[in-house]
Amino acid sequence: MSRKHPIISITGSSGAGTTSVKRTFEQIFRRENVQAAYIEGDAFHRYNRAEMRQRMAEEAETGNSHFSHFSPQTNLFEELEKTFRDYAESGAGMTRYYVHDQDEAAFHGVPPGTFTEWQSLPAGSDLLFYEGLHGAVVTDKVNVAQYADLKIGVVPVINLEWIQKLHRDRAARGYSTEAVTDTILRRMPDYINYICPQFAETDINFQRVPTVDTSNPFIARWIPTADESMVVIRFKNPRGIDFPYLLSMLHSSFMSRANSIVIHGAKLDLAMQLILTPLIMQLISRKRSLK
């Protein structure tokens, strides 16, 4: 970890809500006048869209039905670790963008489903902000987690995650329920081996839990709303966390364990503002004290 060049990583599975969390951080950065350099987990996929489809077909022919975006085989973990390490040491590093759709293609000038060229991170940033699948990944070859100063995990309970993916992929991508189910099954071993372990590395986890019946996610007609959810917030090290203050500010919240607080789902943004703003400013104050 680096006092001079801090790193914040947001880690969550696909569809977990990390983009919404990113917007909360952007609000804090704007309000507190913090200049962040951004990198996205998609940038460190190994294959573009067409190459990934081809590799999946090739793996399927060999009997491998679990080839997914979650694994070391399909991601540039070494390059991601190098970017974290370089930024921690010097405030510099390399990244690129994965272009998802036509709007992004028009902006970046490359076709959807492909990558831009590698480019340097902007100079003079206060911190590095990562949002993606592998911000706290640890394998026998890499340890990305060791370089992040603040690691946040964002994950819904598994049935809710499946509901969110089913609805998103059917609505936005035109997939059938059967096709999305196949994707879930294909990803499951890598999810267990490479996504779940990261939430033991994170400093704070935000886990959304529905309070409505999600026992069969494959027939759920609606995604449970924030009002139909609770959020469990777990602190890896609760020392220094002002729980009485949080309980007083977050209506109907309560502590379920000595390191966990439960809040109403609609209070998630407020909870993040209250919890994360002091932690971000600690990193910035520590950085600026070195100048």
Protein backbone atom coordinates (compact mmCIF):
# COMPACT_ATOMS: atom_id res chain seq x y z
CA MET A 1 0.00 0.00 0.00
CA SER A 2 1.11 3.56 -0.69
CA ARG A 3 0.79 6.69 1.42
CA LYS A 4 1.77 8.93 -1.48
CA HIS A 5 -0.30 7.26 -4.22
CA PRO A 6 -3.37 5.58 -2.64
CA ILE A 7 -5.54 3.06 -4.47
CA ILE A 8 -9.23 2.30 -3.96
CA SER A 9 -10.65 -0.87 -5.51
CA ILE A 10 -14.33 -1.77 -5.87
CA THR A 11 -14.84 -5.46 -6.46
CA GLY A 12 -18.11 -7.14 -7.34
CA SER A 13 -19.49 -9.87 -9.51
CA SER A 14 -21.19 -9.07 -12.81
CA GLY A 15 -24.40 -7.14 -12.19
CA ALA A 16 -23.72 -6.68 -8.48
CA GLY A 17 -24.14 -2.91 -8.56
CA THR A 18 -20.50 -1.77 -8.64
CA THR A 19 -21.38 0.90 -11.22
CA SER A 20 -23.84 2.47 -8.76
CA VAL A 21 -21.17 2.40 -6.08
CA LYS A 22 -18.77 4.07 -8.52
CA ARG A 23 -21.26 6.93 -8.93
CA THR A 24 -21.34 7.38 -5.15
CA PHE A 25 -17.55 7.62 -5.09
CA GLU A 26 -17.65 10.13 -7.95
CA GLN A 27 -20.02 12.30 -5.92
CA ILE A 28 -17.64 12.19 -2.96
CA PHE A 29 -14.63 12.96 -5.17
CA ARG A 30 -16.43 15.93 -6.73
CA ARG A 31 -17.62 17.30 -3.39
CA GLU A 32 -14.23 16.91 -1.71
CA ASN A 33 -12.23 18.08 -4.75
CA VAL A 34 -10.38 14.78 -5.17
CA GLN A 35 -8.84 14.08 -8.58
CA ALA A 36 -9.13 10.36 -9.31
CA ALA A 37 -7.59 8.30 -12.10
CA TYR A 38 -10.02 5.58 -13.19
CA ILE A 39 -9.43 2.08 -14.46
CA GLU A 40 -12.11 -0.48 -15.34
CA GLY A 41 -11.84 -4.20 -14.86
CA ASP A 42 -13.02 -4.82 -18.44
CA ALA A 43 -9.81 -3.24 -19.68
CA PHE A 44 -7.86 -6.22 -18.38
CA HIS A 45 -9.81 -8.95 -20.12
CA ARG A 46 -7.49 -11.03 -22.27
CA TYR A 47 -9.80 -11.35 -25.27
CA ASN A 48 -12.11 -9.03 -27.17
CA ARG A 49 -15.73 -10.07 -27.76
CA ALA A 50 -15.14 -12.05 -30.96
CA GLU A 51 -12.00 -13.72 -29.61
CA MET A 52 -13.80 -14.73 -26.41
CA ARG A 53 -16.63 -16.34 -28.35
CA GLN A 54 -14.12 -18.25 -30.43
CA ARG A 55 -12.17 -19.39 -27.36
CA MET A 56 -15.38 -20.49 -25.64
CA ALA A 57 -16.33 -22.57 -28.68
CA GLU A 58 -12.86 -24.12 -28.81
CA GLU A 59 -12.94 -24.96 -25.10
CA ALA A 60 -16.42 -26.43 -25.41
CA GLU A 61 -15.19 -28.75 -28.16
CA THR A 62 -12.57 -30.10 -25.76
CA GLY A 63 -15.20 -30.72 -23.09
CA ASN A 64 -14.54 -27.58 -21.00
CA SER A 65 -17.99 -26.09 -20.33
CA HIS A 66 -16.75 -23.70 -17.62
CA PHE A 67 -14.63 -21.21 -19.59
CA SER A 68 -15.57 -17.75 -18.28
CA HIS A 69 -14.55 -14.11 -17.85
CA PHE A 70 -13.81 -14.75 -14.18
CA SER A 71 -10.65 -16.85 -14.54
CA PRO A 72 -6.90 -16.16 -14.88
CA GLN A 73 -7.01 -17.73 -18.35
CA THR A 74 -9.26 -14.95 -19.64
CA ASN A 75 -7.79 -11.97 -17.79
CA LEU A 76 -4.50 -10.11 -17.67
CA PHE A 77 -3.96 -10.44 -13.92
CA GLU A 78 -0.22 -9.79 -14.20
CA GLU A 79 -0.83 -6.53 -16.09
CA LEU A 80 -3.47 -5.47 -13.56
CA GLU A 81 -1.09 -6.16 -10.69
CA LYS A 82 1.64 -4.19 -12.50
CA THR A 83 -0.69 -1.22 -12.95
CA PHE A 84 -1.52 -1.24 -9.24
CA ARG A 85 2.15 -1.63 -8.30
CA ASP A 86 3.34 1.09 -10.69
CA TYR A 87 0.72 3.52 -9.44
CA ALA A 88 1.53 2.81 -5.80
CA GLU A 89 5.20 3.47 -6.50
CA SER A 90 5.02 6.46 -8.84
CA GLY A 91 1.43 7.58 -9.46
CA ALA A 92 1.70 6.34 -13.05
CA GLY A 93 0.47 3.30 -14.94
CA MET A 94 -1.13 1.99 -18.12
CA THR A 95 -4.73 1.15 -18.92
CA ARG A 96 -7.16 0.92 -21.84
CA TYR A 97 -10.91 0.80 -22.42
CA TYR A 98 -13.19 -2.02 -23.45
CA VAL A 99 -15.86 -0.59 -25.74
CA HIS A 100 -19.28 -2.04 -24.93
CA ASP A 101 -21.69 -0.43 -27.41
CA GLN A 102 -22.14 1.97 -30.31
CA ASP A 103 -22.20 5.08 -28.10
CA GLU A 104 -18.82 4.18 -26.59
CA ALA A 105 -17.56 3.21 -30.06
CA ALA A 106 -18.39 6.68 -31.38
CA PHE A 107 -16.53 8.26 -28.47
CA HIS A 108 -13.42 6.06 -28.58
CA GLY A 109 -13.26 5.47 -32.34
CA VAL A 110 -13.03 1.67 -32.24
CA PRO A 111 -15.76 -0.95 -32.87
CA PRO A 112 -17.94 -2.33 -30.05
CA GLY A 113 -16.50 -5.40 -28.40
CA THR A 114 -12.88 -4.31 -28.88
CA PHE A 115 -10.23 -2.48 -26.86
CA THR A 116 -8.64 0.90 -27.30
CA GLU A 117 -4.85 1.14 -27.36
CA TRP A 118 -3.02 1.10 -24.04
CA GLN A 119 -2.49 4.60 -22.68
CA SER A 120 -0.93 6.26 -19.65
CA LEU A 121 -3.04 7.23 -16.69
CA PRO A 122 -3.49 11.00 -16.32
CA ALA A 123 -0.69 12.72 -14.43
CA GLY A 124 -1.25 14.50 -11.12
CA SER A 125 -4.12 12.37 -9.77
CA ASP A 126 -4.81 12.17 -6.04
CA LEU A 127 -5.66 8.45 -6.11
CA LEU A 128 -6.37 5.49 -8.36
CA PHE A 129 -9.92 4.11 -8.51
CA TYR A 130 -10.59 0.59 -9.83
CA GLU A 131 -14.03 -0.88 -10.45
CA GLY A 132 -14.46 -4.41 -11.76
CA LEU A 133 -14.32 -8.12 -11.08
CA HIS A 134 -10.80 -8.53 -9.72
CA GLY A 135 -9.81 -5.60 -7.54
CA ALA A 136 -8.79 -7.88 -4.66
CA VAL A 137 -7.77 -11.01 -6.53
CA VAL A 138 -5.07 -13.27 -5.11
CA THR A 139 -3.75 -16.35 -6.93
CA ASP A 140 -0.58 -18.41 -6.76
CA LYS A 141 0.97 -15.98 -9.26
CA VAL A 142 -0.41 -12.52 -8.43
CA ASN A 143 -1.59 -10.53 -5.42
CA VAL A 144 -3.53 -7.50 -6.57
CA ALA A 145 -5.16 -7.03 -3.15
CA GLN A 146 -1.88 -6.10 -1.43
CA TYR A 147 -1.59 -2.81 -3.35
CA ALA A 148 -5.05 -1.38 -2.61
CA ASP A 149 -5.38 0.92 0.40
CA LEU A 150 -9.17 0.65 0.57
CA LYS A 151 -10.92 -2.44 -0.79
CA ILE A 152 -14.72 -2.45 -1.09
CA GLY A 153 -16.77 -5.55 -1.91
CA VAL A 154 -20.21 -5.19 -3.45
CA VAL A 155 -22.28 -8.35 -3.79
CA PRO A 156 -25.93 -9.39 -3.57
CA VAL A 157 -26.95 -12.74 -2.16
CA ILE A 158 -26.67 -15.35 -4.89
CA ASN A 159 -30.36 -15.69 -5.86
CA LEU A 160 -30.68 -11.91 -6.14
CA GLU A 161 -27.56 -11.80 -8.27
CA TRP A 162 -29.06 -14.37 -10.62
CA ILE A 163 -32.34 -12.42 -10.85
CA GLN A 164 -30.43 -9.25 -11.72
CA LYS A 165 -28.42 -11.02 -14.40
CA LEU A 166 -31.47 -12.72 -15.89
CA HIS A 167 -33.37 -9.47 -16.18
CA ARG A 168 -30.41 -7.46 -17.48
CA ASP A 169 -29.32 -9.97 -20.12
CA ARG A 170 -32.84 -10.60 -21.37
CA ALA A 171 -33.76 -6.90 -21.53
CA ALA A 172 -30.48 -5.36 -22.68
CA ARG A 173 -28.97 -8.18 -24.72
CA GLY A 174 -31.97 -10.12 -25.93
CA TYR A 175 -30.86 -13.44 -24.40
CA SER A 176 -33.32 -16.18 -23.54
CA THR A 177 -33.72 -17.44 -19.99
CA GLU A 178 -32.09 -20.70 -21.08
CA ALA A 179 -29.07 -18.88 -22.51
CA VAL A 180 -28.56 -16.84 -19.33
CA THR A 181 -28.94 -19.98 -17.23
CA ASP A 182 -26.21 -21.65 -19.32
CA THR A 183 -23.96 -18.64 -18.66
CA ILE A 184 -24.56 -18.85 -14.91
CA LEU A 185 -23.73 -22.55 -14.90
CA ARG A 186 -20.64 -22.03 -17.04
CA ARG A 187 -19.29 -19.34 -14.71
CA MET A 188 -20.01 -21.08 -11.41
CA PRO A 189 -16.65 -22.85 -10.84
CA ASP A 190 -14.69 -19.66 -11.57
CA TYR A 191 -17.13 -17.64 -9.46
CA ILE A 192 -16.43 -19.93 -6.51
CA ASN A 193 -12.66 -20.00 -7.06
CA TYR A 194 -11.88 -16.41 -8.10
CA ILE A 195 -14.76 -14.09 -7.17
CA CYS A 196 -15.94 -15.29 -3.75
CA PRO A 197 -12.45 -15.43 -2.15
CA GLN A 198 -11.93 -11.73 -2.84
CA PHE A 199 -14.62 -10.78 -0.32
CA ALA A 200 -12.38 -12.12 2.44
CA GLU A 201 -9.70 -9.65 1.29
CA THR A 202 -11.91 -6.56 1.19
CA ASP A 203 -12.00 -4.00 3.99
CA ILE A 204 -15.75 -3.35 3.77
CA ASN A 205 -18.46 -5.46 2.14
CA PHE A 206 -21.91 -4.25 1.13
CA GLN A 207 -24.24 -7.20 0.59
CA ARG A 208 -27.84 -6.66 -0.51
CA VAL A 209 -30.38 -9.12 0.86
CA PRO A 210 -33.97 -9.15 -0.49
CA THR A 211 -36.86 -9.30 1.95
CA VAL A 212 -39.21 -10.84 -0.64
CA ASP A 213 -39.33 -14.39 -1.95
CA THR A 214 -36.47 -15.09 -4.38
CA SER A 215 -36.46 -18.86 -3.90
CA ASN A 216 -36.79 -19.49 -7.65
CA PRO A 217 -34.83 -16.71 -9.36
CA PHE A 218 -35.51 -18.15 -12.81
CA ILE A 219 -39.21 -17.27 -12.70
CA ALA A 220 -38.98 -13.97 -10.79
CA ARG A 221 -40.90 -11.30 -12.70
CA TRP A 222 -39.26 -8.30 -11.03
CA ILE A 223 -35.93 -7.44 -9.46
CA PRO A 224 -36.48 -6.70 -5.75
CA THR A 225 -36.29 -2.96 -5.19
CA ALA A 226 -34.19 -1.12 -2.63
CA ASP A 227 -37.32 -0.75 -0.48
CA GLU A 228 -37.67 -4.54 -0.58
CA SER A 229 -34.10 -5.12 0.56
CA MET A 230 -31.74 -4.84 3.48
CA VAL A 231 -28.00 -4.31 3.18
CA VAL A 232 -25.47 -6.00 5.44
CA ILE A 233 -22.31 -3.91 5.84
CA ARG A 234 -19.34 -5.87 7.18
CA PHE A 235 -16.10 -4.22 8.35
CA LYS A 236 -13.01 -6.40 8.27
CA ASN A 237 -11.50 -4.29 11.03
CA PRO A 238 -14.22 -2.46 12.98
CA ARG A 239 -11.72 -0.56 15.14
CA GLY A 240 -12.31 3.16 14.73
CA ILE A 241 -15.76 2.80 13.14
CA ASP A 242 -18.28 4.99 15.00
CA PHE A 243 -21.18 2.54 15.12
CA PRO A 244 -23.34 4.64 17.51
CA TYR A 245 -23.11 7.55 15.05
CA LEU A 246 -24.04 5.34 12.09
CA LEU A 247 -26.97 3.81 13.98
CA SER A 248 -28.23 7.28 14.86
CA MET A 249 -27.95 8.54 11.28
CA LEU A 250 -29.39 5.47 9.52
CA HIS A 251 -33.00 5.01 10.55
CA SER A 252 -33.99 1.45 11.55
CA SER A 253 -30.41 0.19 11.30
CA PHE A 254 -29.04 -2.30 13.78
CA MET A 255 -25.88 -4.28 14.51
CA SER A 256 -26.05 -8.00 13.74
CA ARG A 257 -22.47 -8.74 14.81
CA ALA A 258 -19.65 -6.80 16.40
CA ASN A 259 -18.33 -5.90 12.94
CA SER A 260 -21.60 -5.72 10.98
CA ILE A 261 -24.43 -3.23 10.63
CA VAL A 262 -27.72 -3.86 8.80
CA ILE A 263 -29.52 -1.00 7.06
CA HIS A 264 -32.64 -0.49 4.98
CA GLY A 265 -31.84 -0.89 1.28
CA ALA A 266 -32.99 2.63 0.43
CA LYS A 267 -30.34 4.03 2.79
CA LEU A 268 -27.39 2.49 0.94
CA ASP A 269 -26.22 5.70 -0.74
CA LEU A 270 -26.41 7.64 2.53
CA ALA A 271 -24.58 4.85 4.38
CA MET A 272 -21.81 4.86 1.79
CA GLN A 273 -21.47 8.63 2.03
CA LEU A 274 -21.23 8.48 5.83
CA ILE A 275 -18.81 5.55 5.92
CA LEU A 276 -16.60 6.18 2.91
CA THR A 277 -16.10 9.96 2.97
CA PRO A 278 -13.97 9.92 6.16
CA LEU A 279 -11.95 6.96 4.88
CA ILE A 280 -11.26 8.66 1.56
CA MET A 281 -10.27 11.89 3.26
CA GLN A 282 -7.91 9.97 5.56
CA LEU A 283 -6.11 8.67 2.48
CA ILE A 284 -5.98 12.14 0.94
CA SER A 285 -4.82 13.81 4.17
CA ARG A 286 -2.10 11.21 4.58
CA LYS A 287 -1.00 11.79 1.00
CA ARG A 288 -0.97 15.57 1.29
CA SER A 289 0.90 15.48 4.59
CA LEU A 290 3.88 14.08 2.69
CA LYS A 291 4.17 17.11 0.44
